Amino acid sequence: MRVIAGSARSLKLVAPEGIDTRPTTDRIKETLFNILQSRIADSVVIDLFAGSGALGIEALSRGAAHAYFVENNVAAYKCIQENLRFTRLEDKATVLKQDAAVALDMIKETKAGLIFIDPPYQKGYEEKILPLLAQMNYVSSNTLIILEADRQHPLHTDFLPPGLAVTREKTYKTNRHLFIEKC
């Protein structure tokens, strides 16, 4: 796993060992960031269930102004800190070792450009997080929420709170990204 582009291009990232995290492959990350490229510059990024921090670090490397990394797992939290030091991006980052739902209130921004949600599959975390996000002041009509989900299991969007809608879906071999915006 490596940073694909930008100031930290080609630097390798570490990921926590075990099956608790599923690092996004370089190929999927490259495809995703090709879609997002026009939204990254100078934006505030929030990486929920951050794992190794690869998505937020990629955004910082490509010009995001600041990234919040939210991770409750101790080993993953330490990997994020190590990856930020190695890429020399730690001055643009805030790492919160918190439950994602609790951390949302700890983010003191006026607007967020991108929010990545990559929770453990089939645990229902997105059903808890999305309604909370919809109420946050930093989520506006200019915010894009990217939810990663398992391709094999249907994810019904009826849990989306009023005011949020899936505007695009990108399917890969093993997973998919849902692009969610305020409507």
N, C-alpha and C. Protein backbone atom coordinates (compact mmCIF):
# COMPACT_ATOMS: atom_id res chain seq x y z
N MET A 1 0.85 -1.17 0.00
CA MET A 1 0.00 0.00 0.00
C MET A 1 0.90 1.23 0.00
N ARG A 2 0.56 2.17 -0.87
CA ARG A 2 1.40 3.36 -1.02
C ARG A 2 0.53 4.58 -1.31
N VAL A 3 1.15 5.75 -1.21
CA VAL A 3 0.49 6.99 -1.62
C VAL A 3 0.62 7.07 -3.13
N ILE A 4 -0.47 7.32 -3.83
CA ILE A 4 -0.52 7.28 -5.29
C ILE A 4 0.05 8.54 -5.93
N ALA A 5 -0.31 9.71 -5.42
CA ALA A 5 0.09 10.96 -6.09
C ALA A 5 0.30 12.07 -5.07
N GLY A 6 0.90 13.15 -5.55
CA GLY A 6 1.07 14.34 -4.72
C GLY A 6 2.41 14.40 -4.01
N SER A 7 2.45 15.19 -2.95
CA SER A 7 3.70 15.46 -2.24
C SER A 7 4.32 14.23 -1.60
N ALA A 8 3.52 13.24 -1.25
CA ALA A 8 4.02 12.01 -0.63
C ALA A 8 4.00 10.83 -1.60
N ARG A 9 3.96 11.13 -2.87
CA ARG A 9 3.84 10.10 -3.91
C ARG A 9 4.86 8.98 -3.73
N SER A 10 4.38 7.76 -3.89
CA SER A 10 5.16 6.52 -3.86
C SER A 10 5.64 6.09 -2.48
N LEU A 11 5.35 6.86 -1.45
CA LEU A 11 5.75 6.45 -0.10
C LEU A 11 4.86 5.31 0.37
N LYS A 12 5.48 4.29 0.95
CA LYS A 12 4.73 3.13 1.44
C LYS A 12 4.12 3.43 2.81
N LEU A 13 2.92 2.94 2.99
CA LEU A 13 2.21 3.10 4.25
C LEU A 13 2.12 1.76 4.96
N VAL A 14 2.09 1.80 6.28
CA VAL A 14 1.91 0.59 7.05
C VAL A 14 0.43 0.44 7.40
N ALA A 15 0.01 -0.79 7.57
CA ALA A 15 -1.37 -1.07 7.96
C ALA A 15 -1.35 -1.99 9.17
N PRO A 16 -2.34 -1.89 10.03
CA PRO A 16 -2.39 -2.78 11.18
C PRO A 16 -2.54 -4.23 10.73
N GLU A 17 -1.90 -5.12 11.46
CA GLU A 17 -2.01 -6.54 11.12
C GLU A 17 -3.35 -7.09 11.59
N GLY A 18 -3.78 -8.16 10.95
CA GLY A 18 -5.02 -8.82 11.35
C GLY A 18 -6.14 -8.53 10.39
N ILE A 19 -7.31 -9.01 10.73
CA ILE A 19 -8.46 -8.90 9.84
C ILE A 19 -9.42 -7.78 10.23
N ASP A 20 -9.04 -6.98 11.23
CA ASP A 20 -9.93 -5.90 11.67
C ASP A 20 -9.99 -4.73 10.69
N THR A 21 -8.97 -4.60 9.85
CA THR A 21 -8.98 -3.53 8.85
C THR A 21 -8.81 -4.13 7.47
N ARG A 22 -9.36 -3.42 6.47
CA ARG A 22 -9.23 -3.83 5.07
C ARG A 22 -8.66 -2.65 4.32
N PRO A 23 -7.34 -2.55 4.22
CA PRO A 23 -6.79 -1.39 3.51
C PRO A 23 -7.29 -1.33 2.07
N THR A 24 -7.63 -0.13 1.64
CA THR A 24 -8.08 0.08 0.26
C THR A 24 -6.90 -0.17 -0.67
N THR A 25 -7.10 -1.00 -1.67
CA THR A 25 -6.01 -1.32 -2.59
C THR A 25 -5.60 -0.08 -3.38
N ASP A 26 -4.36 -0.10 -3.86
CA ASP A 26 -3.86 1.03 -4.64
C ASP A 26 -4.71 1.29 -5.88
N ARG A 27 -5.15 0.24 -6.53
CA ARG A 27 -5.95 0.39 -7.76
C ARG A 27 -7.29 1.08 -7.46
N ILE A 28 -7.96 0.64 -6.41
CA ILE A 28 -9.25 1.25 -6.04
C ILE A 28 -9.03 2.69 -5.58
N LYS A 29 -7.98 2.90 -4.79
CA LYS A 29 -7.68 4.26 -4.31
C LYS A 29 -7.40 5.20 -5.48
N GLU A 30 -6.66 4.72 -6.47
CA GLU A 30 -6.37 5.55 -7.64
C GLU A 30 -7.64 5.90 -8.40
N THR A 31 -8.52 4.93 -8.60
CA THR A 31 -9.79 5.18 -9.28
C THR A 31 -10.63 6.18 -8.50
N LEU A 32 -10.73 5.97 -7.20
CA LEU A 32 -11.52 6.86 -6.35
C LEU A 32 -10.99 8.29 -6.41
N PHE A 33 -9.69 8.46 -6.29
CA PHE A 33 -9.14 9.80 -6.27
C PHE A 33 -9.13 10.47 -7.65
N ASN A 34 -9.18 9.70 -8.70
CA ASN A 34 -9.39 10.29 -10.03
C ASN A 34 -10.78 10.92 -10.10
N ILE A 35 -11.76 10.28 -9.48
CA ILE A 35 -13.12 10.82 -9.43
C ILE A 35 -13.17 12.08 -8.57
N LEU A 36 -12.42 12.09 -7.47
CA LEU A 36 -12.49 13.17 -6.48
C LEU A 36 -11.55 14.35 -6.73
N GLN A 37 -10.64 14.21 -7.66
CA GLN A 37 -9.53 15.17 -7.80
C GLN A 37 -9.96 16.64 -7.79
N SER A 38 -11.03 16.98 -8.43
CA SER A 38 -11.44 18.40 -8.52
C SER A 38 -11.96 18.94 -7.18
N ARG A 39 -12.23 18.08 -6.22
CA ARG A 39 -12.79 18.51 -4.93
C ARG A 39 -11.75 18.56 -3.81
N ILE A 40 -10.51 18.17 -4.07
CA ILE A 40 -9.54 17.98 -3.00
C ILE A 40 -8.83 19.26 -2.58
N ALA A 41 -8.38 20.06 -3.52
CA ALA A 41 -7.54 21.22 -3.22
C ALA A 41 -8.13 22.09 -2.11
N ASP A 42 -7.34 22.32 -1.08
CA ASP A 42 -7.68 23.20 0.04
C ASP A 42 -8.91 22.79 0.84
N SER A 43 -9.36 21.56 0.68
CA SER A 43 -10.55 21.12 1.41
C SER A 43 -10.19 20.53 2.78
N VAL A 44 -11.19 20.46 3.63
CA VAL A 44 -11.08 19.75 4.90
C VAL A 44 -11.65 18.36 4.66
N VAL A 45 -10.88 17.35 5.07
CA VAL A 45 -11.25 15.96 4.85
C VAL A 45 -11.45 15.28 6.20
N ILE A 46 -12.47 14.45 6.29
CA ILE A 46 -12.72 13.66 7.49
C ILE A 46 -12.69 12.20 7.08
N ASP A 47 -11.82 11.43 7.73
CA ASP A 47 -11.64 10.01 7.43
C ASP A 47 -12.12 9.21 8.63
N LEU A 48 -13.38 8.74 8.57
CA LEU A 48 -13.98 7.97 9.67
C LEU A 48 -13.67 6.49 9.49
N PHE A 49 -13.45 5.80 10.60
CA PHE A 49 -13.02 4.40 10.56
C PHE A 49 -11.75 4.34 9.70
N ALA A 50 -10.79 5.16 10.03
CA ALA A 50 -9.65 5.47 9.17
C ALA A 50 -8.69 4.31 8.92
N GLY A 51 -8.64 3.32 9.78
CA GLY A 51 -7.72 2.20 9.56
C GLY A 51 -6.28 2.66 9.54
N SER A 52 -5.61 2.55 8.41
CA SER A 52 -4.22 2.99 8.27
C SER A 52 -4.12 4.49 8.00
N GLY A 53 -5.23 5.12 7.68
CA GLY A 53 -5.24 6.53 7.32
C GLY A 53 -4.96 6.78 5.85
N ALA A 54 -4.94 5.73 5.05
CA ALA A 54 -4.53 5.85 3.64
C ALA A 54 -5.38 6.83 2.84
N LEU A 55 -6.68 6.88 3.06
CA LEU A 55 -7.53 7.77 2.27
C LEU A 55 -7.28 9.24 2.64
N GLY A 56 -7.25 9.53 3.92
CA GLY A 56 -6.98 10.90 4.35
C GLY A 56 -5.58 11.36 3.97
N ILE A 57 -4.61 10.47 4.07
CA ILE A 57 -3.24 10.80 3.68
C ILE A 57 -3.15 11.06 2.19
N GLU A 58 -3.84 10.26 1.40
CA GLU A 58 -3.86 10.49 -0.05
C GLU A 58 -4.43 11.88 -0.35
N ALA A 59 -5.50 12.25 0.34
CA ALA A 59 -6.11 13.57 0.13
C ALA A 59 -5.14 14.68 0.53
N LEU A 60 -4.45 14.53 1.66
CA LEU A 60 -3.46 15.53 2.08
C LEU A 60 -2.33 15.64 1.06
N SER A 61 -1.86 14.50 0.60
CA SER A 61 -0.76 14.48 -0.38
C SER A 61 -1.16 15.21 -1.66
N ARG A 62 -2.45 15.17 -1.99
CA ARG A 62 -2.95 15.80 -3.22
C ARG A 62 -3.43 17.24 -3.01
N GLY A 63 -3.23 17.79 -1.82
CA GLY A 63 -3.51 19.21 -1.63
C GLY A 63 -4.63 19.58 -0.69
N ALA A 64 -5.21 18.63 0.04
CA ALA A 64 -6.22 18.99 1.03
C ALA A 64 -5.57 19.85 2.11
N ALA A 65 -6.33 20.78 2.68
CA ALA A 65 -5.79 21.70 3.68
C ALA A 65 -5.59 21.02 5.03
N HIS A 66 -6.51 20.16 5.42
CA HIS A 66 -6.45 19.50 6.73
C HIS A 66 -7.26 18.21 6.67
N ALA A 67 -6.85 17.23 7.45
CA ALA A 67 -7.60 15.98 7.53
C ALA A 67 -7.76 15.56 8.99
N TYR A 68 -8.95 15.10 9.29
CA TYR A 68 -9.26 14.49 10.59
C TYR A 68 -9.30 12.99 10.38
N PHE A 69 -8.59 12.26 11.21
CA PHE A 69 -8.58 10.80 11.16
C PHE A 69 -9.25 10.31 12.43
N VAL A 70 -10.30 9.52 12.28
CA VAL A 70 -11.03 9.01 13.43
C VAL A 70 -10.91 7.49 13.43
N GLU A 71 -10.31 6.97 14.49
CA GLU A 71 -10.10 5.53 14.60
C GLU A 71 -10.11 5.14 16.07
N ASN A 72 -10.85 4.10 16.40
CA ASN A 72 -10.97 3.65 17.78
C ASN A 72 -10.02 2.50 18.12
N ASN A 73 -9.53 1.79 17.12
CA ASN A 73 -8.63 0.65 17.33
C ASN A 73 -7.22 1.16 17.63
N VAL A 74 -6.61 0.67 18.71
CA VAL A 74 -5.30 1.17 19.16
C VAL A 74 -4.22 0.92 18.11
N ALA A 75 -4.15 -0.28 17.55
CA ALA A 75 -3.12 -0.60 16.56
C ALA A 75 -3.28 0.27 15.31
N ALA A 76 -4.50 0.47 14.87
CA ALA A 76 -4.74 1.31 13.69
C ALA A 76 -4.40 2.77 13.98
N TYR A 77 -4.77 3.23 15.16
CA TYR A 77 -4.46 4.60 15.59
C TYR A 77 -2.95 4.84 15.53
N LYS A 78 -2.17 3.89 16.01
CA LYS A 78 -0.70 4.01 15.98
C LYS A 78 -0.18 3.99 14.54
N CYS A 79 -0.78 3.18 13.67
CA CYS A 79 -0.38 3.17 12.26
C CYS A 79 -0.63 4.52 11.59
N ILE A 80 -1.76 5.13 11.90
CA ILE A 80 -2.06 6.45 11.33
C ILE A 80 -0.99 7.45 11.74
N GLN A 81 -0.65 7.45 13.02
CA GLN A 81 0.37 8.38 13.50
C GLN A 81 1.72 8.12 12.82
N GLU A 82 2.09 6.86 12.69
CA GLU A 82 3.34 6.50 12.03
C GLU A 82 3.32 6.91 10.56
N ASN A 83 2.22 6.66 9.87
CA ASN A 83 2.11 7.03 8.45
C ASN A 83 2.16 8.54 8.25
N LEU A 84 1.55 9.29 9.15
CA LEU A 84 1.60 10.75 9.04
C LEU A 84 3.02 11.28 9.26
N ARG A 85 3.73 10.70 10.22
CA ARG A 85 5.13 11.11 10.44
C ARG A 85 5.98 10.77 9.22
N PHE A 86 5.82 9.56 8.69
CA PHE A 86 6.63 9.11 7.57
C PHE A 86 6.39 9.95 6.32
N THR A 87 5.15 10.35 6.10
CA THR A 87 4.81 11.16 4.92
C THR A 87 5.02 12.66 5.16
N ARG A 88 5.37 13.01 6.38
CA ARG A 88 5.59 14.41 6.78
C ARG A 88 4.33 15.27 6.59
N LEU A 89 3.19 14.68 6.89
CA LEU A 89 1.91 15.38 6.76
C LEU A 89 1.23 15.61 8.10
N GLU A 90 1.93 15.30 9.20
CA GLU A 90 1.29 15.37 10.51
C GLU A 90 0.87 16.77 10.93
N ASP A 91 1.51 17.81 10.37
CA ASP A 91 1.12 19.18 10.72
C ASP A 91 -0.22 19.58 10.10
N LYS A 92 -0.72 18.80 9.15
CA LYS A 92 -2.01 19.07 8.52
C LYS A 92 -3.09 18.10 8.99
N ALA A 93 -2.81 17.38 10.09
CA ALA A 93 -3.72 16.31 10.50
C ALA A 93 -4.09 16.42 11.97
N THR A 94 -5.30 15.95 12.26
CA THR A 94 -5.76 15.75 13.62
C THR A 94 -6.21 14.30 13.71
N VAL A 95 -5.62 13.55 14.65
CA VAL A 95 -5.96 12.14 14.81
C VAL A 95 -6.75 11.99 16.11
N LEU A 96 -7.95 11.46 16.00
CA LEU A 96 -8.82 11.27 17.15
C LEU A 96 -9.01 9.78 17.43
N LYS A 97 -8.57 9.34 18.60
CA LYS A 97 -8.82 7.95 18.99
C LYS A 97 -10.16 7.95 19.72
N GLN A 98 -11.20 7.79 18.93
CA GLN A 98 -12.57 7.91 19.42
C GLN A 98 -13.50 7.01 18.63
N ASP A 99 -14.63 6.74 19.20
CA ASP A 99 -15.75 6.17 18.47
C ASP A 99 -16.17 7.22 17.44
N ALA A 100 -16.47 6.79 16.23
CA ALA A 100 -16.80 7.72 15.15
C ALA A 100 -17.98 8.62 15.51
N ALA A 101 -19.00 8.08 16.13
CA ALA A 101 -20.18 8.88 16.47
C ALA A 101 -19.84 9.98 17.46
N VAL A 102 -18.98 9.69 18.42
CA VAL A 102 -18.56 10.67 19.42
C VAL A 102 -17.66 11.73 18.78
N ALA A 103 -16.79 11.31 17.89
CA ALA A 103 -15.82 12.21 17.28
C ALA A 103 -16.46 13.28 16.41
N LEU A 104 -17.62 13.01 15.85
CA LEU A 104 -18.26 13.99 14.96
C LEU A 104 -18.44 15.34 15.63
N ASP A 105 -18.79 15.34 16.92
CA ASP A 105 -18.97 16.59 17.66
C ASP A 105 -17.64 17.25 18.02
N MET A 106 -16.55 16.51 17.95
CA MET A 106 -15.24 17.04 18.33
C MET A 106 -14.57 17.78 17.16
N ILE A 107 -15.14 17.65 15.98
CA ILE A 107 -14.57 18.31 14.79
C ILE A 107 -15.14 19.72 14.71
N LYS A 108 -14.27 20.68 14.87
CA LYS A 108 -14.69 22.09 14.91
C LYS A 108 -14.27 22.78 13.63
N GLU A 109 -15.04 22.56 12.59
CA GLU A 109 -14.81 23.16 11.29
C GLU A 109 -16.09 23.84 10.83
N THR A 110 -15.96 24.80 9.92
CA THR A 110 -17.14 25.43 9.36
C THR A 110 -17.65 24.67 8.15
N LYS A 111 -16.74 23.96 7.46
CA LYS A 111 -17.18 23.16 6.32
C LYS A 111 -16.19 22.02 6.08
N ALA A 112 -16.73 20.92 5.62
CA ALA A 112 -15.92 19.76 5.23
C ALA A 112 -16.17 19.51 3.75
N GLY A 113 -15.10 19.24 3.02
CA GLY A 113 -15.24 18.98 1.59
C GLY A 113 -15.52 17.53 1.29
N LEU A 114 -14.75 16.64 1.93
CA LEU A 114 -14.88 15.19 1.71
C LEU A 114 -14.96 14.48 3.05
N ILE A 115 -15.84 13.50 3.12
CA ILE A 115 -15.93 12.66 4.31
C ILE A 115 -15.92 11.21 3.85
N PHE A 116 -14.89 10.48 4.28
CA PHE A 116 -14.77 9.06 3.97
C PHE A 116 -15.33 8.26 5.13
N ILE A 117 -16.19 7.29 4.80
CA ILE A 117 -16.72 6.38 5.82
C ILE A 117 -16.42 4.96 5.34
N ASP A 118 -15.54 4.28 6.05
CA ASP A 118 -15.15 2.92 5.67
C ASP A 118 -15.29 2.00 6.89
N PRO A 119 -16.54 1.79 7.33
CA PRO A 119 -16.75 1.00 8.55
C PRO A 119 -16.63 -0.50 8.29
N PRO A 120 -16.48 -1.28 9.36
CA PRO A 120 -16.55 -2.73 9.17
C PRO A 120 -17.87 -3.08 8.47
N TYR A 121 -17.78 -3.97 7.50
CA TYR A 121 -18.96 -4.33 6.71
C TYR A 121 -20.02 -5.04 7.56
N GLN A 122 -21.25 -4.79 7.22
CA GLN A 122 -22.42 -5.48 7.75
C GLN A 122 -22.59 -5.36 9.26
N LYS A 123 -22.11 -4.27 9.81
CA LYS A 123 -22.27 -4.03 11.25
C LYS A 123 -23.28 -2.92 11.53
N GLY A 124 -23.74 -2.24 10.47
CA GLY A 124 -24.75 -1.20 10.63
C GLY A 124 -24.23 0.15 11.08
N TYR A 125 -22.91 0.36 11.09
CA TYR A 125 -22.37 1.64 11.53
C TYR A 125 -22.83 2.80 10.67
N GLU A 126 -22.97 2.58 9.36
CA GLU A 126 -23.40 3.66 8.49
C GLU A 126 -24.81 4.14 8.84
N GLU A 127 -25.63 3.25 9.35
CA GLU A 127 -26.99 3.62 9.75
C GLU A 127 -26.98 4.55 10.95
N LYS A 128 -25.94 4.47 11.75
CA LYS A 128 -25.80 5.34 12.92
C LYS A 128 -25.10 6.65 12.55
N ILE A 129 -24.08 6.56 11.70
CA ILE A 129 -23.23 7.71 11.39
C ILE A 129 -23.90 8.71 10.45
N LEU A 130 -24.55 8.22 9.40
CA LEU A 130 -25.11 9.14 8.40
C LEU A 130 -26.16 10.10 8.96
N PRO A 131 -27.10 9.65 9.80
CA PRO A 131 -28.04 10.62 10.38
C PRO A 131 -27.33 11.67 11.25
N LEU A 132 -26.27 11.25 11.95
CA LEU A 132 -25.52 12.22 12.75
C LEU A 132 -24.80 13.22 11.86
N LEU A 133 -24.18 12.73 10.79
CA LEU A 133 -23.49 13.62 9.85
C LEU A 133 -24.44 14.64 9.25
N ALA A 134 -25.64 14.21 8.92
CA ALA A 134 -26.61 15.11 8.30
C ALA A 134 -26.92 16.32 9.19
N GLN A 135 -26.70 16.18 10.49
CA GLN A 135 -26.98 17.27 11.44
C GLN A 135 -25.78 18.16 11.73
N MET A 136 -24.61 17.77 11.27
CA MET A 136 -23.39 18.54 11.57
C MET A 136 -23.35 19.82 10.73
N ASN A 137 -22.95 20.92 11.36
CA ASN A 137 -22.87 22.21 10.67
C ASN A 137 -21.86 22.21 9.53
N TYR A 138 -20.82 21.38 9.63
CA TYR A 138 -19.78 21.36 8.60
C TYR A 138 -20.16 20.53 7.38
N VAL A 139 -21.31 19.90 7.40
CA VAL A 139 -21.80 19.15 6.24
C VAL A 139 -22.78 20.05 5.49
N SER A 140 -22.41 20.40 4.27
CA SER A 140 -23.23 21.31 3.47
C SER A 140 -23.53 20.68 2.11
N SER A 141 -24.15 21.45 1.26
CA SER A 141 -24.45 20.96 -0.09
C SER A 141 -23.17 20.78 -0.91
N ASN A 142 -22.06 21.32 -0.43
CA ASN A 142 -20.78 21.16 -1.11
C ASN A 142 -19.95 20.00 -0.55
N THR A 143 -20.47 19.30 0.43
CA THR A 143 -19.77 18.18 1.04
C THR A 143 -20.11 16.89 0.30
N LEU A 144 -19.09 16.10 0.01
CA LEU A 144 -19.30 14.80 -0.60
C LEU A 144 -18.91 13.73 0.42
N ILE A 145 -19.84 12.84 0.71
CA ILE A 145 -19.62 11.73 1.63
C ILE A 145 -19.41 10.49 0.79
N ILE A 146 -18.33 9.76 1.05
CA ILE A 146 -18.03 8.55 0.30
C ILE A 146 -18.09 7.38 1.27
N LEU A 147 -19.05 6.50 1.07
CA LEU A 147 -19.24 5.33 1.92
C LEU A 147 -18.76 4.10 1.19
N GLU A 148 -17.84 3.36 1.82
CA GLU A 148 -17.39 2.09 1.24
C GLU A 148 -18.26 0.97 1.80
N ALA A 149 -18.69 0.07 0.92
CA ALA A 149 -19.56 -1.03 1.33
C ALA A 149 -19.15 -2.30 0.59
N ASP A 150 -19.54 -3.41 1.15
CA ASP A 150 -19.28 -4.72 0.56
C ASP A 150 -20.13 -4.88 -0.70
N ARG A 151 -19.54 -5.35 -1.76
CA ARG A 151 -20.27 -5.53 -3.01
C ARG A 151 -21.26 -6.70 -2.94
N GLN A 152 -20.93 -7.71 -2.18
CA GLN A 152 -21.72 -8.94 -2.14
C GLN A 152 -23.03 -8.82 -1.38
N HIS A 153 -23.13 -7.85 -0.51
CA HIS A 153 -24.34 -7.73 0.30
C HIS A 153 -25.06 -6.43 -0.05
N PRO A 154 -26.35 -6.54 -0.32
CA PRO A 154 -27.09 -5.34 -0.69
C PRO A 154 -27.11 -4.34 0.46
N LEU A 155 -26.94 -3.10 0.13
CA LEU A 155 -27.00 -2.03 1.12
C LEU A 155 -28.18 -1.16 0.73
N HIS A 156 -29.24 -1.27 1.49
CA HIS A 156 -30.44 -0.52 1.19
C HIS A 156 -30.26 0.92 1.65
N THR A 157 -30.58 1.84 0.81
CA THR A 157 -30.39 3.24 1.14
C THR A 157 -31.57 3.84 1.89
N ASP A 158 -32.50 3.00 2.33
CA ASP A 158 -33.64 3.52 3.07
C ASP A 158 -33.24 4.02 4.46
N PHE A 159 -32.01 3.72 4.89
CA PHE A 159 -31.54 4.22 6.17
C PHE A 159 -31.01 5.65 6.06
N LEU A 160 -30.89 6.16 4.83
CA LEU A 160 -30.41 7.53 4.67
C LEU A 160 -31.41 8.50 5.29
N PRO A 161 -30.91 9.44 6.07
CA PRO A 161 -31.83 10.41 6.67
C PRO A 161 -32.36 11.37 5.61
N PRO A 162 -33.47 12.02 5.88
CA PRO A 162 -33.98 13.02 4.94
C PRO A 162 -32.89 14.06 4.66
N GLY A 163 -32.79 14.43 3.41
CA GLY A 163 -31.81 15.44 3.03
C GLY A 163 -30.51 14.89 2.48
N LEU A 164 -30.28 13.58 2.60
CA LEU A 164 -29.10 12.94 2.01
C LEU A 164 -29.55 11.96 0.93
N ALA A 165 -28.79 11.93 -0.16
CA ALA A 165 -29.13 11.03 -1.26
C ALA A 165 -27.86 10.49 -1.90
N VAL A 166 -27.94 9.25 -2.39
CA VAL A 166 -26.85 8.67 -3.16
C VAL A 166 -26.90 9.29 -4.55
N THR A 167 -25.80 9.93 -4.97
CA THR A 167 -25.77 10.59 -6.27
C THR A 167 -24.94 9.82 -7.29
N ARG A 168 -24.18 8.84 -6.81
CA ARG A 168 -23.35 8.04 -7.70
C ARG A 168 -22.92 6.78 -6.96
N GLU A 169 -22.68 5.73 -7.73
CA GLU A 169 -22.16 4.49 -7.15
C GLU A 169 -21.09 3.94 -8.09
N LYS A 170 -19.98 3.54 -7.52
CA LYS A 170 -18.88 2.95 -8.28
C LYS A 170 -18.63 1.56 -7.70
N THR A 171 -18.75 0.54 -8.55
CA THR A 171 -18.59 -0.84 -8.11
C THR A 171 -17.25 -1.40 -8.58
N TYR A 172 -16.59 -2.08 -7.68
CA TYR A 172 -15.31 -2.73 -7.97
C TYR A 172 -15.50 -4.24 -7.82
N LYS A 173 -14.43 -4.98 -7.91
CA LYS A 173 -14.51 -6.44 -7.83
C LYS A 173 -15.04 -6.92 -6.47
N THR A 174 -14.59 -6.31 -5.38
CA THR A 174 -14.97 -6.80 -4.05
C THR A 174 -15.80 -5.82 -3.23
N ASN A 175 -15.80 -4.56 -3.61
CA ASN A 175 -16.54 -3.58 -2.83
C ASN A 175 -17.10 -2.50 -3.73
N ARG A 176 -17.67 -1.47 -3.12
CA ARG A 176 -18.22 -0.37 -3.90
C ARG A 176 -18.19 0.91 -3.07
N HIS A 177 -18.24 2.00 -3.77
CA HIS A 177 -18.32 3.31 -3.12
C HIS A 177 -19.66 3.95 -3.47
N LEU A 178 -20.33 4.42 -2.45
CA LEU A 178 -21.54 5.20 -2.62
C LEU A 178 -21.18 6.66 -2.37
N PHE A 179 -21.54 7.53 -3.28
CA PHE A 179 -21.28 8.96 -3.17
C PHE A 179 -22.58 9.61 -2.71
N ILE A 180 -22.54 10.24 -1.56
CA ILE A 180 -23.74 10.76 -0.91
C ILE A 180 -23.59 12.27 -0.74
N GLU A 181 -24.67 12.98 -1.05
CA GLU A 181 -24.66 14.44 -0.92
C GLU A 181 -25.98 14.91 -0.33
N LYS A 182 -25.93 16.13 0.20
CA LYS A 182 -27.16 16.77 0.65
C LYS A 182 -28.00 17.14 -0.56
N CYS A 183 -29.30 16.96 -0.44
CA CYS A 183 -30.17 17.31 -1.57
C CYS A 183 -31.26 18.27 -1.12
